[in-house]
C-alpha atoms as a PDB file:
ATOM      1  CA  UNK A   1      17.509  -4.189 -86.480  1.00  0.00           C
ATOM      2  CA  UNK A   2      17.169  -1.845 -83.548  1.00  0.00           C
ATOM      3  CA  UNK A   3      15.210   1.162 -84.807  1.00  0.00           C
ATOM      4  CA  UNK A   4      15.507   4.477 -83.021  1.00  0.00           C
ATOM      5  CA  UNK A   5      14.012   7.865 -83.713  1.00  0.00           C
ATOM      6  CA  UNK A   6      15.207  11.348 -82.814  1.00  0.00           C
ATOM      7  CA  UNK A   7      12.945  13.696 -80.900  1.00  0.00           C
ATOM      8  CA  UNK A   8      13.772  17.140 -82.249  1.00  0.00           C
ATOM      9  CA  UNK A   9      12.533  20.731 -82.419  1.00  0.00           C
ATOM     10  CA  UNK A  10      11.766  21.839 -85.990  1.00  0.00           C
ATOM     11  CA  UNK A  11      10.673  25.219 -87.317  1.00  0.00           C
ATOM     12  CA  UNK A  12       7.182  24.812 -88.792  1.00  0.00           C
ATOM     13  CA  UNK A  13       8.286  26.700 -91.915  1.00  0.00           C
ATOM     14  CA  UNK A  14      10.998  24.121 -92.661  1.00  0.00           C
ATOM     15  CA  UNK A  15      10.496  20.957 -94.637  1.00  0.00           C
ATOM     16  CA  UNK A  16       9.875  17.652 -92.874  1.00  0.00           C
ATOM     17  CA  UNK A  17      13.392  16.337 -93.516  1.00  0.00           C
ATOM     18  CA  UNK A  18      15.048  19.703 -93.063  1.00  0.00           C
ATOM     19  CA  UNK A  19      17.403  21.035 -90.447  1.00  0.00           C
ATOM     20  CA  UNK A  20      16.265  20.910 -86.840  1.00  0.00           C
ATOM     21  CA  UNK A  21      16.772  23.529 -84.140  1.00  0.00           C
ATOM     22  CA  UNK A  22      17.532  21.207 -81.223  1.00  0.00           C
ATOM     23  CA  UNK A  23      17.765  17.515 -80.415  1.00  0.00           C
ATOM     24  CA  UNK A  24      15.739  16.704 -77.307  1.00  0.00           C
ATOM     25  CA  UNK A  25      16.213  12.955 -77.146  1.00  0.00           C
ATOM     26  CA  UNK A  26      15.572   9.573 -78.743  1.00  0.00           C
ATOM     27  CA  UNK A  27      12.828   6.954 -78.888  1.00  0.00           C
ATOM     28  CA  UNK A  28      13.704   3.241 -78.946  1.00  0.00           C
ATOM     29  CA  UNK A  29      10.491   1.330 -79.803  1.00  0.00           C
ATOM     30  CA  UNK A  30      11.981  -2.148 -79.273  1.00  0.00           C
ATOM     31  CA  UNK A  31      13.426  -1.479 -75.813  1.00  0.00           C
ATOM     32  CA  UNK A  32      12.495  -4.065 -73.209  1.00  0.00           C
ATOM     33  CA  UNK A  33      11.371  -1.707 -70.446  1.00  0.00           C
ATOM     34  CA  UNK A  34       9.318   1.463 -70.558  1.00  0.00           C
ATOM     35  CA  UNK A  35      12.142   3.416 -68.911  1.00  0.00           C
ATOM     36  CA  UNK A  36      14.490   2.522 -71.773  1.00  0.00           C
ATOM     37  CA  UNK A  37      12.046   3.424 -74.572  1.00  0.00           C
ATOM     38  CA  UNK A  38      12.298   7.208 -74.295  1.00  0.00           C
ATOM     39  CA  UNK A  39      15.488   9.110 -73.457  1.00  0.00           C
ATOM     40  CA  UNK A  40      14.737  12.838 -73.429  1.00  0.00           C
ATOM     41  CA  UNK A  41      15.975  16.046 -71.833  1.00  0.00           C
ATOM     42  CA  UNK A  42      12.738  16.973 -70.023  1.00  0.00           C
ATOM     43  CA  UNK A  43      14.002  20.416 -68.987  1.00  0.00           C
ATOM     44  CA  UNK A  44      14.844  21.315 -72.606  1.00  0.00           C
ATOM     45  CA  UNK A  45      11.404  20.026 -73.686  1.00  0.00           C
ATOM     46  CA  UNK A  46       9.684  22.233 -71.083  1.00  0.00           C
ATOM     47  CA  UNK A  47      11.832  25.217 -72.137  1.00  0.00           C
ATOM     48  CA  UNK A  48      10.771  24.860 -75.769  1.00  0.00           C
ATOM     49  CA  UNK A  49       7.122  24.414 -74.749  1.00  0.00           C
ATOM     50  CA  UNK A  50       7.317  27.639 -72.721  1.00  0.00           C
ATOM     51  CA  UNK A  51       8.566  29.413 -75.864  1.00  0.00           C
ATOM     52  CA  UNK A  52       5.433  28.327 -77.744  1.00  0.00           C
ATOM     53  CA  UNK A  53       6.579  25.092 -79.360  1.00  0.00           C
ATOM     54  CA  UNK A  54       3.828  22.553 -79.971  1.00  0.00           C
ATOM     55  CA  UNK A  55       4.532  18.839 -79.721  1.00  0.00           C
ATOM     56  CA  UNK A  56       3.274  16.549 -82.447  1.00  0.00           C
ATOM     57  CA  UNK A  57       0.547  14.132 -81.399  1.00  0.00           C
ATOM     58  CA  UNK A  58       3.003  11.221 -81.348  1.00  0.00           C
ATOM     59  CA  UNK A  59       5.675  13.023 -79.325  1.00  0.00           C
ATOM     60  CA  UNK A  60       3.034  14.346 -76.950  1.00  0.00           C
ATOM     61  CA  UNK A  61       1.876  10.789 -76.237  1.00  0.00           C
ATOM     62  CA  UNK A  62       5.440   9.539 -75.766  1.00  0.00           C
ATOM     63  CA  UNK A  63       6.359  12.305 -73.341  1.00  0.00           C
ATOM     64  CA  UNK A  64       3.083  12.509 -71.437  1.00  0.00           C
ATOM     65  CA  UNK A  65       4.255  10.215 -68.578  1.00  0.00           C
ATOM     66  CA  UNK A  66       7.549  12.126 -68.270  1.00  0.00           C
ATOM     67  CA  UNK A  67       6.088  15.632 -68.029  1.00  0.00           C
ATOM     68  CA  UNK A  68       3.439  15.194 -65.320  1.00  0.00           C
END
């Protein structure tokens, strides 16, 4: 009963549940502290953003405090 979600890079032409290009991290919504909720490779996230990747609204909100 501890949900967790992957934060991944997906080609926009692929289906929602299809293969992903890279795993950037995980989100743990029931974690006790804010620092434990999101585990992500910030450098990899910035690299993909520099290549033109666009974060979903949800992922953008989750990573906003980490990428300032």
